[in-house]
Protein backbone atom coordinates (compact mmCIF):
# COMPACT_ATOMS: atom_id res chain seq x y z
CA MET A 1 15.34 9.90 -14.85
CA LEU A 2 17.07 10.48 -11.62
CA ALA A 3 17.40 14.56 -11.62
CA LEU A 4 18.81 15.36 -8.37
CA LEU A 5 20.43 13.32 -5.66
CA LYS A 6 21.57 14.87 -2.48
CA ILE A 7 23.74 12.66 0.45
CA ARG A 8 24.12 14.49 3.94
CA ASN A 9 26.71 12.26 6.20
CA LEU A 10 25.97 8.94 5.26
CA ALA A 11 29.44 7.13 5.57
CA LEU A 12 32.10 8.70 4.32
CA VAL A 13 30.19 10.95 2.26
CA ASP A 14 29.55 14.43 4.25
CA GLU A 15 27.32 16.42 1.86
CA LEU A 16 27.25 15.40 -2.20
CA ALA A 17 24.89 17.40 -4.43
CA TRP A 18 24.65 15.48 -7.92
CA GLU A 19 22.34 16.16 -11.04
CA PRO A 20 22.98 13.20 -13.15
CA CYS A 21 22.81 13.74 -16.79
CA SER A 22 20.28 11.64 -19.31
CA GLY A 23 21.98 8.88 -21.07
CA PHE A 24 24.37 6.39 -20.31
CA LEU A 25 26.44 7.54 -17.01
CA GLY A 26 29.73 6.27 -15.83
CA ILE A 27 30.85 6.49 -12.53
CA THR A 28 34.74 5.16 -11.77
CA GLY A 29 37.28 5.86 -8.87
CA GLU A 30 39.49 3.46 -6.51
CA THR A 31 38.37 0.98 -4.28
CA GLY A 32 37.24 2.45 -1.19
CA ALA A 33 36.61 5.86 -2.56
CA GLY A 34 33.10 5.54 -1.58
CA LYS A 35 31.02 4.52 -5.03
CA SER A 36 29.09 2.26 -2.65
CA VAL A 37 27.93 5.07 -0.70
CA VAL A 38 26.61 6.61 -3.49
CA MET A 39 24.63 3.93 -4.77
CA GLY A 40 24.04 3.03 -1.28
CA GLY A 41 22.05 6.58 -1.51
CA ILE A 42 20.12 5.73 -3.94
CA ALA A 43 19.05 2.29 -2.67
CA LEU A 44 17.95 3.96 0.72
CA ALA A 45 15.86 6.67 -1.58
CA LEU A 46 14.01 3.47 -3.16
CA GLY A 47 12.73 1.95 0.68
CA GLU A 48 15.57 -0.07 1.41
CA ARG A 49 15.85 -0.84 5.20
CA ALA A 50 18.35 2.02 6.83
CA ASP A 51 20.62 0.71 9.57
CA LYS A 52 22.42 3.85 12.33
CA THR A 53 25.85 2.41 11.37
CA LEU A 54 25.12 4.27 8.54
CA ILE A 55 25.36 7.81 9.88
CA ARG A 56 28.96 9.49 9.07
CA SER A 57 30.66 9.23 12.85
CA GLY A 58 30.13 12.16 14.89
CA GLU A 59 27.08 12.99 13.08
CA THR A 60 23.33 12.77 14.84
CA GLN A 61 21.91 12.06 11.73
CA CYS A 62 22.11 11.39 7.95
CA SER A 63 19.60 12.66 5.21
CA ILE A 64 18.89 11.58 1.17
CA GLU A 65 17.18 13.33 -1.02
CA ALA A 66 15.87 12.49 -4.75
CA ALA A 67 14.16 14.06 -7.47
CA PHE A 68 12.58 11.99 -10.31
CA ARG A 69 11.56 13.45 -13.41
CA LEU A 70 8.78 11.18 -14.53
CA PRO A 71 7.51 11.68 -18.47
CA ARG A 72 4.31 9.57 -17.40
CA ALA A 73 3.52 10.20 -13.72
CA ALA A 74 0.04 8.65 -14.29
CA GLU A 75 0.66 5.12 -12.60
CA VAL A 76 2.77 6.58 -9.65
CA ASN A 77 0.12 9.58 -9.38
CA ALA A 78 -2.68 6.70 -9.10
CA GLN A 79 -0.74 4.82 -6.15
CA LEU A 80 -0.18 8.67 -4.34
CA GLU A 81 -3.94 9.59 -4.52
CA GLU A 82 -4.43 5.92 -2.77
CA ALA A 83 -2.45 6.72 0.07
CA GLY A 84 -3.36 10.39 0.13
CA VAL A 85 0.11 11.86 -0.95
CA PRO A 86 0.22 14.91 -3.25
CA PRO A 87 0.68 13.87 -6.70
CA CYS A 88 3.59 14.91 -8.79
CA GLU A 89 4.02 18.67 -10.13
CA ASP A 90 5.25 18.63 -13.49
CA GLY A 91 6.37 14.80 -13.15
CA GLU A 92 8.77 15.11 -10.39
CA LEU A 93 8.63 13.34 -7.73
CA LEU A 94 10.26 14.24 -4.51
CA ILE A 95 11.85 11.36 -2.14
CA ARG A 96 13.67 12.41 1.75
CA ARG A 97 14.72 9.95 3.80
CA THR A 98 16.32 11.01 7.32
CA ILE A 99 18.24 8.33 9.38
CA THR A 100 18.88 9.02 13.25
CA PRO A 101 19.65 6.28 15.93
CA THR A 102 16.46 5.90 17.33
CA GLY A 103 14.43 5.83 14.28
CA ASN A 104 13.74 6.42 10.53
CA ARG A 105 11.11 8.84 8.74
CA GLN A 106 10.61 9.11 4.98
CA PHE A 107 8.70 11.96 2.88
CA ILE A 108 7.16 11.55 -0.47
CA ASN A 109 6.28 14.83 -2.35
CA ASN A 110 7.06 16.22 1.39
CA THR A 111 4.42 14.08 3.12
CA PRO A 112 5.34 11.53 5.83
CA VAL A 113 4.46 8.09 3.79
CA THR A 114 5.07 4.35 5.40
CA LEU A 115 8.30 2.77 4.33
CA ALA A 116 6.59 0.17 2.55
CA LEU A 117 4.88 2.64 0.14
CA LEU A 118 8.28 4.09 -0.39
CA LYS A 119 9.66 0.41 -1.63
CA SER A 120 6.76 0.01 -3.97
CA ILE A 121 6.99 3.32 -5.59
CA GLY A 122 10.94 3.04 -5.82
CA SER A 123 10.30 -0.70 -7.50
CA GLY A 124 8.95 0.78 -10.47
CA LEU A 125 11.67 3.95 -10.77
CA VAL A 126 14.96 1.61 -10.65
CA ASP A 127 16.27 -1.53 -12.06
CA MET A 128 19.52 -1.95 -10.08
CA HIS A 129 22.04 -4.75 -10.94
CA GLN A 130 24.65 -5.53 -8.24
CA PRO A 131 26.96 -7.85 -8.41
CA ASP A 132 25.48 -11.46 -8.09
CA SER A 133 22.07 -9.98 -8.46
CA HIS A 134 21.92 -11.54 -11.94
CA ARG A 135 21.65 -14.47 -9.84
CA SER A 136 17.27 -14.13 -10.20
CA LEU A 137 17.94 -15.24 -13.85
CA THR A 138 17.97 -18.19 -12.38
CA SER A 139 14.63 -18.41 -10.96
CA GLN A 140 11.95 -20.15 -13.16
CA GLU A 141 9.31 -17.27 -11.66
CA ARG A 142 11.64 -14.19 -12.76
CA GLN A 143 12.43 -15.76 -16.01
CA MET A 144 8.43 -16.17 -16.73
CA VAL A 145 8.22 -12.53 -15.40
CA LEU A 146 10.87 -11.96 -18.14
CA LEU A 147 9.25 -13.75 -20.80
CA ASP A 148 5.54 -12.03 -19.90
CA ALA A 149 7.06 -8.46 -20.33
CA PHE A 150 8.55 -8.95 -23.70
CA ALA A 151 5.41 -10.94 -24.92
CA GLU A 152 3.81 -7.37 -23.17
CA ASP A 153 0.63 -9.69 -22.13
CA ALA A 154 0.04 -7.60 -19.04
CA GLU A 155 -3.67 -7.75 -19.65
CA LEU A 156 -4.11 -11.36 -20.42
CA LEU A 157 -2.02 -11.76 -17.30
CA ALA A 158 -4.34 -9.35 -15.23
CA ARG A 159 -7.17 -11.64 -16.49
CA TYR A 160 -5.39 -14.94 -15.76
CA LYS A 161 -4.69 -14.01 -12.17
CA ALA A 162 -7.89 -12.43 -11.22
CA ALA A 163 -9.55 -15.85 -12.75
CA TYR A 164 -7.29 -17.87 -10.41
CA ARG A 165 -8.06 -15.99 -7.42
CA ALA A 166 -11.69 -16.20 -7.74
CA MET A 167 -11.20 -19.83 -8.24
CA LEU A 168 -9.03 -20.29 -5.57
CA ASP A 169 -11.98 -18.31 -3.12
CA ALA A 170 -14.77 -20.65 -5.08
CA ARG A 171 -12.71 -23.78 -3.96
CA ALA A 172 -12.04 -23.09 -0.31
CA ALA A 173 -15.62 -22.27 0.12
CA TYR A 174 -16.64 -25.63 -1.38
CA ARG A 175 -14.24 -27.23 0.66
CA GLU A 176 -15.09 -25.48 3.42
CA LEU A 177 -18.85 -26.26 3.71
CA GLN A 178 -17.80 -30.28 2.05
CA GLU A 179 -15.27 -30.71 5.10
CA SER A 180 -17.64 -29.34 7.74
CA GLU A 181 -19.10 -31.96 10.08
CA MET A 182 -22.93 -31.89 9.52
CA ALA A 183 -24.41 -29.69 12.53
CA ASN A 184 -25.50 -32.29 15.52
CA ALA A 185 -28.92 -32.39 17.10
CA ARG A 186 -27.00 -30.41 20.07
CA GLU A 187 -26.00 -27.49 17.79
CA ILE A 188 -29.74 -27.06 15.96
CA ASP A 189 -31.30 -27.23 19.41
CA PHE A 190 -29.14 -24.73 20.58
CA LEU A 191 -29.74 -22.79 17.86
CA GLN A 192 -34.07 -23.16 17.91
CA HIS A 193 -33.88 -22.41 21.10
CA GLN A 194 -32.43 -19.02 20.97
CA VAL A 195 -34.81 -18.10 18.27
CA GLU A 196 -37.55 -19.51 20.24
CA GLU A 197 -36.42 -17.38 23.23
CA ILE A 198 -36.08 -14.02 21.31
CA GLU A 199 -39.35 -14.60 18.90
CA SER A 200 -41.62 -15.60 22.09
CA ALA A 201 -40.42 -12.48 24.05
CA ASN A 202 -42.33 -10.72 21.24
CA LEU A 203 -40.61 -7.20 21.46
CA THR A 204 -41.11 -4.69 18.99
CA ALA A 205 -38.91 -1.70 18.14
CA GLU A 206 -41.65 0.73 19.05
CA GLU A 207 -42.48 -1.22 22.46
CA VAL A 208 -38.70 -1.06 23.39
CA GLU A 209 -38.37 2.71 22.93
CA GLY A 210 -39.29 4.22 26.26
CA LEU A 211 -39.93 0.82 28.12
CA GLU A 212 -37.88 1.42 30.79
CA ALA A 213 -38.84 5.19 31.33
CA ARG A 214 -42.75 3.82 31.33
CA TRP A 215 -41.81 1.07 33.74
CA GLN A 216 -40.22 3.76 36.11
CA ARG A 217 -43.27 5.75 35.95
CA ALA A 218 -45.00 3.02 37.12
CA ARG A 219 -43.69 2.11 39.89
CA ASN A 220 -43.13 5.41 41.26
CA ALA A 221 -46.59 6.59 40.60
CA GLY A 222 -47.32 7.60 44.00
CA ARG A 223 -44.26 9.67 44.66
CA LEU A 224 -44.55 11.01 41.92
CA ARG A 225 -48.09 12.25 42.17
CA ASP A 226 -47.08 13.09 45.95
CA THR A 227 -44.73 15.77 44.30
CA ALA A 228 -46.87 16.56 41.37
CA VAL A 229 -50.02 17.80 43.14
CA PRO A 230 -48.24 20.15 45.66
CA MET A 231 -46.47 21.60 42.71
CA ALA A 232 -49.97 22.80 41.24
CA GLN A 233 -51.73 23.69 44.56
CA ALA A 234 -48.29 26.05 44.94
CA LEU A 235 -48.88 27.85 41.44
CA ASP A 236 -52.84 27.84 41.77
CA GLY A 237 -54.69 26.08 44.89
CA ASP A 238 -55.01 29.35 47.20
CA GLU A 239 -55.15 33.01 47.86
CA ASP A 240 -51.61 33.27 48.70
CA ALA A 241 -50.36 30.89 45.41
CA VAL A 242 -47.93 32.13 42.57
CA LEU A 243 -51.08 32.69 39.94
CA PRO A 244 -53.14 35.05 42.30
CA ARG A 245 -50.70 36.88 43.60
CA LEU A 246 -49.77 37.37 39.90
CA HIS A 247 -52.86 38.47 39.18
CA ARG A 248 -52.68 41.35 42.00
CA LEU A 249 -49.23 41.99 40.64
CA ILE A 250 -50.29 42.71 37.02
CA ARG A 251 -53.63 45.05 38.67
CA SER A 252 -51.41 46.77 40.32
CA ALA A 253 -48.87 47.56 37.21
CA HIS A 254 -52.38 48.96 35.39
CA ASP A 255 -52.77 51.37 38.25
CA LEU A 256 -48.94 52.48 37.95
CA GLU A 257 -50.04 52.84 34.18
CA ARG A 258 -52.66 55.04 34.65
CA LEU A 259 -50.57 57.41 36.29
CA ASP A 260 -47.44 57.03 34.60
CA ALA A 261 -47.56 55.67 30.85
CA ALA A 262 -43.59 54.41 31.72
CA ALA A 263 -44.69 51.61 33.63
CA ALA A 264 -46.49 50.03 30.81
CA LYS A 265 -43.01 47.95 30.14
CA TRP A 266 -43.58 46.20 32.95
CA LEU A 267 -47.06 44.85 32.00
CA GLU A 268 -45.94 42.19 29.18
CA PRO A 269 -43.53 40.33 31.15
CA LEU A 270 -45.95 39.98 34.19
CA ASN A 271 -48.73 38.72 31.63
CA SER A 272 -46.07 36.31 30.03
CA ALA A 273 -45.14 34.97 33.16
CA LEU A 274 -48.61 34.58 34.25
CA GLU A 275 -49.59 32.89 30.69
CA GLU A 276 -46.82 30.12 30.77
CA LEU A 277 -47.21 29.42 35.02
CA GLY A 278 -50.61 28.95 34.04
CA ASP A 279 -50.00 26.24 31.52
CA VAL A 280 -47.37 24.69 34.16
CA ALA A 281 -50.20 24.56 36.60
CA ALA A 282 -52.49 22.67 34.20
CA SER A 283 -49.77 20.29 32.98
CA LEU A 284 -49.04 19.33 36.44
CA ARG A 285 -52.50 18.77 37.28
CA ASP A 286 -53.03 16.81 34.20
CA TYR A 287 -49.61 14.94 34.99
CA ALA A 288 -50.67 13.74 38.51
CA ASP A 289 -54.14 12.82 36.81
CA GLY A 290 -52.89 10.50 34.62
CA LEU A 291 -50.64 8.63 37.09
CA ASP A 292 -52.37 5.36 37.59
CA ALA A 293 -50.95 3.52 40.71
CA ASP A 294 -52.19 0.40 39.00
CA PRO A 295 -49.61 -2.42 40.68
CA ALA A 296 -51.00 -4.68 38.17
CA GLU A 297 -49.59 -2.51 35.44
CA ALA A 298 -46.35 -1.48 37.03
CA ALA A 299 -45.52 -5.43 37.54
CA ALA A 300 -46.18 -5.89 33.60
CA LEU A 301 -43.80 -3.12 33.12
CA GLU A 302 -41.44 -5.00 35.15
CA GLU A 303 -41.70 -8.09 33.53
CA ARG A 304 -40.99 -6.96 30.31
CA VAL A 305 -37.97 -4.70 31.27
CA ALA A 306 -36.58 -7.93 32.89
CA THR A 307 -37.11 -9.49 29.95
CA LEU A 308 -35.23 -7.21 27.61
CA ASP A 309 -32.68 -7.36 29.73
CA THR A 310 -31.99 -10.69 29.71
CA LEU A 311 -31.84 -10.70 26.03
CA LYS A 312 -29.69 -8.08 26.06
CA ARG A 313 -27.44 -9.50 28.39
CA LYS A 314 -27.25 -12.91 26.28
CA TYR A 315 -27.36 -11.82 22.84
CA GLY A 316 -26.54 -8.00 22.53
CA ALA A 317 -25.79 -4.69 23.90
CA ASP A 318 -29.38 -3.26 22.78
CA PHE A 319 -32.39 -4.24 20.66
CA ALA A 320 -30.79 -4.05 17.22
CA ALA A 321 -27.98 -6.43 18.19
CA ILE A 322 -30.73 -8.72 19.43
CA GLN A 323 -32.32 -8.66 15.96
CA GLU A 324 -29.18 -8.94 14.23
CA HIS A 325 -28.00 -12.45 16.77
CA LEU A 326 -31.91 -13.48 15.84
CA GLN A 327 -31.28 -13.32 12.16
CA ALA A 328 -27.90 -14.89 12.37
CA CYS A 329 -29.12 -17.69 13.87
CA ARG A 330 -32.21 -17.96 11.63
CA GLU A 331 -29.77 -17.97 8.34
CA LYS A 332 -27.60 -20.68 10.22
CA LEU A 333 -30.26 -23.01 10.48
CA ASP A 334 -31.32 -22.44 6.81
CA SER A 335 -27.92 -23.10 5.69
CA ILE A 336 -27.86 -26.65 7.76
CA ALA A 337 -31.15 -27.17 6.27
CA ASN A 338 -29.95 -26.10 2.86
CA ARG A 339 -26.58 -27.60 3.22
CA GLU A 340 -26.73 -30.05 -0.14
CA GLU A 341 -28.07 -27.44 -1.98
CA ARG A 342 -26.07 -25.01 -1.05
CA LEU A 343 -23.20 -27.60 -1.49
CA ALA A 344 -24.22 -28.12 -5.01
CA GLU A 345 -24.26 -24.13 -5.86
CA LEU A 346 -20.40 -24.25 -4.22
CA GLU A 347 -19.78 -26.88 -6.93
CA ALA A 348 -21.26 -25.58 -9.83
CA GLU A 349 -19.04 -22.07 -8.77
CA GLN A 350 -16.37 -23.78 -8.52
CA GLN A 351 -16.67 -25.20 -11.70
CA ALA A 352 -17.34 -22.16 -13.44
CA ALA A 353 -14.45 -20.65 -11.72
CA GLU A 354 -12.01 -23.31 -12.91
CA ALA A 355 -13.69 -23.30 -16.67
CA ALA A 356 -12.84 -19.19 -16.73
CA VAL A 357 -9.53 -19.83 -15.43
CA ALA A 358 -8.36 -22.61 -18.44
CA GLU A 359 -9.84 -20.17 -20.50
CA ALA A 360 -7.83 -17.53 -19.41
CA GLY A 361 -5.06 -19.76 -18.86
CA LYS A 362 -4.76 -20.65 -22.63
CA ALA A 363 -5.01 -17.16 -23.88
CA LEU A 364 -1.85 -16.54 -21.85
CA SER A 365 0.15 -19.79 -23.00
CA ALA A 366 -0.61 -18.77 -26.63
CA ALA A 367 0.71 -15.68 -26.16
CA ARG A 368 3.90 -16.93 -24.31
CA ARG A 369 4.15 -19.47 -26.87
CA LYS A 370 4.03 -16.79 -29.83
CA ALA A 371 6.86 -14.39 -28.15
CA ALA A 372 9.20 -17.25 -26.99
CA PRO A 373 10.93 -17.60 -30.24
CA ARG A 374 11.12 -13.85 -30.94
CA LEU A 375 12.44 -13.29 -27.28
CA GLU A 376 14.97 -16.01 -28.70
CA LYS A 377 15.92 -14.69 -31.69
CA ASP A 378 16.24 -10.91 -30.16
CA PHE A 379 18.35 -12.64 -26.99
CA LEU A 380 21.06 -14.34 -29.74
CA THR A 381 21.27 -11.04 -31.77
CA HIS A 382 22.33 -9.34 -28.25
CA ALA A 383 24.69 -12.25 -27.15
CA ALA A 384 26.44 -12.00 -30.17
CA GLN A 385 27.80 -8.92 -29.55
CA LEU A 386 28.53 -9.95 -26.32
CA GLY A 387 30.87 -12.39 -27.31
CA PHE A 388 28.78 -15.58 -27.25
CA LYS A 389 29.39 -15.33 -30.90
CA GLN A 390 27.50 -19.16 -31.49
CA SER A 391 25.66 -19.68 -28.31
CA LEU A 392 21.96 -21.58 -28.18
CA PHE A 393 19.38 -20.00 -25.90
CA THR A 394 16.03 -21.95 -25.93
CA VAL A 395 12.88 -21.02 -24.26
CA GLN A 396 11.10 -24.15 -23.38
CA LEU A 397 7.37 -23.90 -22.11
CA THR A 398 5.81 -27.00 -20.57
CA GLU A 399 1.99 -27.27 -20.10
CA THR A 400 1.12 -27.66 -16.12
CA GLU A 401 -1.82 -27.32 -14.10
CA PRO A 402 -2.76 -23.75 -13.02
CA GLY A 403 -0.89 -21.82 -10.57
CA PRO A 404 -0.35 -17.97 -9.71
CA GLN A 405 1.90 -17.22 -12.75
CA GLY A 406 0.02 -19.27 -15.47
CA MET A 407 -0.64 -22.82 -16.97
CA ASP A 408 3.16 -22.82 -18.12
CA GLU A 409 6.33 -24.19 -16.44
CA ILE A 410 9.21 -21.90 -18.01
CA GLU A 411 12.79 -23.51 -18.17
CA VAL A 412 15.46 -21.18 -19.81
CA LEU A 413 18.34 -23.31 -21.29
CA PHE A 414 21.58 -21.76 -22.31
CA GLY A 415 24.96 -22.98 -24.33
CA PRO A 416 27.54 -20.55 -24.08
CA ASN A 417 30.42 -22.83 -26.50
CA PRO A 418 29.58 -24.49 -29.72
CA GLY A 419 29.32 -28.74 -29.26
CA GLU A 420 28.11 -28.25 -25.75
CA PRO A 421 24.64 -29.11 -24.69
CA VAL A 422 22.18 -26.29 -23.83
CA LYS A 423 21.91 -26.20 -19.92
CA PRO A 424 19.90 -24.47 -17.60
CA LEU A 425 20.72 -20.86 -16.55
CA ARG A 426 20.64 -22.16 -12.99
CA LEU A 427 23.37 -24.58 -13.85
CA ILE A 428 25.68 -21.81 -15.07
CA ALA A 429 28.15 -21.09 -12.83
CA SER A 430 30.07 -18.29 -14.19
CA SER A 431 28.92 -15.36 -12.57
CA GLY A 432 30.72 -13.11 -15.85
CA GLU A 433 28.51 -15.21 -18.12
CA LEU A 434 25.36 -14.69 -16.49
CA ALA A 435 25.99 -11.24 -16.26
CA ARG A 436 26.13 -11.05 -20.39
CA VAL A 437 22.84 -13.01 -20.47
CA MET A 438 21.27 -10.64 -17.94
CA LEU A 439 22.67 -8.19 -19.97
CA ALA A 440 21.71 -9.63 -23.16
CA LEU A 441 17.85 -9.61 -22.12
CA LYS A 442 17.94 -6.52 -21.04
CA SER A 443 18.60 -5.48 -23.89
CA ALA A 444 15.93 -7.47 -25.83
CA LEU A 445 13.76 -6.32 -23.45
CA ALA A 446 14.59 -2.30 -24.01
CA LYS A 447 11.49 -1.30 -25.22
CA GLN A 448 9.15 -2.96 -23.61
CA ASP A 449 10.78 -2.14 -20.15
CA ASP A 450 9.59 1.58 -19.00
CA THR A 451 11.79 1.46 -15.80
CA PRO A 452 13.11 4.97 -16.44
CA LEU A 453 16.27 4.02 -14.76
CA LEU A 454 18.75 1.63 -15.01
CA ILE A 455 21.85 0.74 -12.51
CA PHE A 456 24.64 -1.60 -13.23
CA ASP A 457 27.11 -1.94 -10.03
CA GLU A 458 29.86 -3.61 -11.22
CA ILE A 459 27.93 -6.32 -13.52
CA ASP A 460 31.35 -6.12 -15.61
CA ALA A 461 33.50 -8.01 -13.51
CA ASN A 462 34.64 -11.27 -14.37
CA VAL A 463 35.06 -10.37 -17.81
CA GLY A 464 37.95 -9.63 -19.91
CA GLY A 465 38.85 -6.47 -21.55
CA GLU A 466 37.20 -7.04 -25.34
CA ILE A 467 34.09 -8.62 -23.72
CA ALA A 468 33.94 -5.37 -20.98
CA ARG A 469 33.75 -3.20 -24.45
CA ALA A 470 31.11 -4.99 -25.72
CA VAL A 471 29.11 -4.93 -22.30
CA GLY A 472 29.48 -0.90 -22.34
CA MET A 473 28.83 -0.78 -25.88
CA LYS A 474 25.07 -2.22 -24.60
CA MET A 475 24.59 -0.14 -21.70
CA ARG A 476 25.10 2.96 -24.04
CA GLU A 477 22.65 1.29 -26.29
CA LEU A 478 20.28 1.10 -22.99
CA GLY A 479 20.96 4.65 -22.67
CA ARG A 480 19.41 5.67 -25.55
CA ASP A 481 15.75 4.20 -24.04
CA HIS A 482 16.72 4.97 -20.38
CA GLN A 483 18.76 6.33 -18.02
CA VAL A 484 21.85 4.09 -17.25
CA ILE A 485 24.33 4.51 -14.34
CA ALA A 486 27.23 2.27 -14.39
CA ILE A 487 29.63 1.69 -11.70
CA THR A 488 32.75 -0.27 -13.72
CA HIS A 489 36.22 -0.51 -13.04
CA PHE A 490 37.10 -0.83 -16.57
CA PRO A 491 38.74 2.16 -18.77
CA GLN A 492 36.51 0.15 -22.12
CA VAL A 493 33.24 0.91 -20.57
CA ALA A 494 34.04 4.04 -18.95
CA ALA A 495 35.39 5.52 -22.02
CA LEU A 496 31.95 4.65 -24.06
CA ALA A 497 29.61 6.74 -21.65
CA ASP A 498 27.72 9.64 -22.57
CA HIS A 499 28.83 11.19 -19.08
CA HIS A 500 31.71 10.40 -16.80
CA TYR A 501 31.66 11.00 -12.93
CA LEU A 502 34.81 10.52 -10.64
CA ILE A 503 34.41 9.53 -7.06
CA SER A 504 37.25 10.36 -5.03
CA LYS A 505 37.95 10.42 -1.26
CA ALA A 506 40.38 12.73 0.69
CA THR A 507 41.60 13.57 3.96
CA GLU A 508 41.03 16.94 5.55
CA ALA A 509 42.17 17.99 9.35
CA GLY A 510 41.59 14.12 10.00
CA ARG A 511 38.49 13.48 8.41
CA THR A 512 38.10 11.39 4.92
CA THR A 513 35.53 12.55 2.82
CA SER A 514 34.21 11.10 -0.52
CA LYS A 515 32.91 13.76 -3.66
CA LEU A 516 31.67 13.25 -7.09
CA GLN A 517 32.62 14.99 -10.09
CA GLU A 518 32.27 14.92 -13.73
CA VAL A 519 35.43 14.61 -15.64
CA ARG A 520 35.77 15.94 -19.30
CA ALA A 521 38.65 16.83 -21.62
CA ASP A 522 42.18 15.93 -19.97
CA ALA A 523 40.68 15.22 -16.70
CA ARG A 524 38.60 12.12 -18.53
CA VAL A 525 41.75 11.14 -20.24
CA ALA A 526 43.55 11.20 -16.85
CA GLU A 527 40.89 8.95 -14.94
CA LEU A 528 41.33 6.59 -17.75
CA VAL A 529 45.10 6.47 -17.60
CA ARG A 530 44.64 5.40 -13.77
CA MET A 531 42.15 2.81 -14.54
CA LEU A 532 44.42 1.33 -17.39
CA GLY A 533 47.21 1.00 -14.52
CA SER A 534 49.89 2.79 -16.55
CA HIS A 535 51.53 6.20 -16.93
CA GLY A 536 53.08 8.45 -19.61
CA LYS A 537 52.51 9.23 -23.35
CA GLU A 538 51.65 5.78 -24.54
CA ALA A 539 49.17 5.51 -21.60
CA GLU A 540 47.47 8.51 -22.53
CA ALA A 541 47.21 7.95 -26.11
CA HIS A 542 45.84 4.49 -25.89
CA ALA A 543 42.99 6.57 -23.29
CA ARG A 544 42.32 8.95 -26.02
CA THR A 545 42.30 6.44 -28.40
CA LEU A 546 40.09 4.78 -26.27
CA LEU A 547 37.51 8.38 -26.21
CA GLN A 548 37.68 8.56 -30.27
CA ALA A 549 36.92 4.91 -30.58
C-alpha cells in the first residue's frame, strides 16, 4: 500500500505530506481544487514522464516522494537486485523524483535509477484508472490478459511464451539459410585463398613470440658486437680496466682492516661489486660470441617478419586474431559444403519447436476455456450489483494459429439490456457502461490481482446517483483486499469510503495553494452537504443518512 506521499512545488501544491490509510479512501473537492495534482504526483512517482511546466510558478524545482509498504517484496527485490539497487528494508520501497527545468532525476531506495526501471517497478505497484482509461477493455489483448489473470495460468503462459520465442528463432534460422543464395565459386575461391595464405605461412605461436626481436638482433649483429666487446674489455681487458682496479681496492681494504678492524665494513660491498661486474663481463663476452652476422639468417628472419606483418594487415591485429579469422573461414567453407545437411537439421529443429508450441498452446487454451465460464458467472454477479440486472456476458474463444498470446482469439461480448443482442465491448459507446464493466471485472479478479493499490479517478462519471452508490459499494468491497483510492464527485460514493479526504485551495498573499486533509464527523458531513448541492438541516440530515447507511 501507499504509506506516504510528499509533494513540493507541483502545480498548485506548494507542500503536501499525506499518509494514506488502508482500505477504501475517498478524495473529494471542488473542481480545480487540485485533485488531479495529487493523482499526478502518484503517477510521477510511478515513472510517468515529467515536464518542466509542472513546476510551481516562481520555483526552481519540484519533488515527489513516495513510500510503499509491500507485504511481499520478493519480486520487487529481484528486479532491484538485477539493476544493482539496494533491496527494500522491512518491505518498504522508497521512491523520489526531482524535476528541474534542465532535467529530471529519480531514485529508488536512495539510489539513482533510470526512468525505465522506475516505470517497470511502478507498473506492479499501482493500477490506475482514469476517465476513459477503461477503453483499454475494448482491446482483445487486454481482454486476454484479464482472462489469464482469472485463470491463474501464469506458469502455462510462461511455458507457452518460451516455446513460442524458441519457435520464432528456429524459423528465422531455417529461413535465413534457406533463402540465402548458394555461395558462388568466387566466394569459395576467396575463402580458400585466405585459408591457404594463412596456412602456407606455417606460423606458430612459439615462432611468433619474439620473432621481431630475433630479427632485429640478427640484422644488427655487427653493431651489437662492436658495442658489447669494448664494454667487456672496459670491465676486464687490461690493468687499467674496472675489475683489476677493484682487485687493487680490495687488497687496500684488507690492509686497512689489519690496521683497523672498523674498515672491514667496506670489504663486503667491494667483493659483491667484483662478483657482479665479473658476471657482467663474462655475460658480455658470451653475448658477443653468440652474435652471428650471418646475412642469410637475417634475411630469413626478415622474410618471416614480413609474412607476419602481411597477415596482420589483412586478417587481424595479432597472431591470435589471424587464427580466429582462419577458423571463421574454415567454418564458413564447412557450412557451405554441408549446407543441405545443416538445412535438414534446422528444419528438424523448427518442427520440434512447432510441436512444443502446439503442446504448450493446447494446455494454455484448455485452462482458458475452463476459466471462461467461471469468469462469466462471477462477472454477472458483480454486474447485477452495479445495475446490470439482466445483462449477458460471454467470453468467446476461437482457435487460431500460434501468436504471442497463445493459440486463441478472444472476443468479450456484452449485452447490458434484456432483449438486445450481445455485442463486442469495443462497440459499446457509453463510457458509463464501460466503467461499470471494468469495475465488475476488477471485482471478479480481486482475489487474483495482487496489485497493492487501485486508483479510480472519477470513473463514476456519467452514471446516476443510485448506480454511483453501487459503484462505491464495489470499490468498498475491493478495499478489503487492496488499498483503493477514488476521486469522486458523488456524495453517495464518498460516504462509503473508510476514510474521506478533502482537497481544497486557498489564496494567500496573491498565491493559490492546494491542501489535502482528512475530514471526520461534522467536517465530513459538511463536505457531503456541499457535494449534494444544497444546504440547511434537510441536506445535513440527508448527508448523515448517507453515512449511516
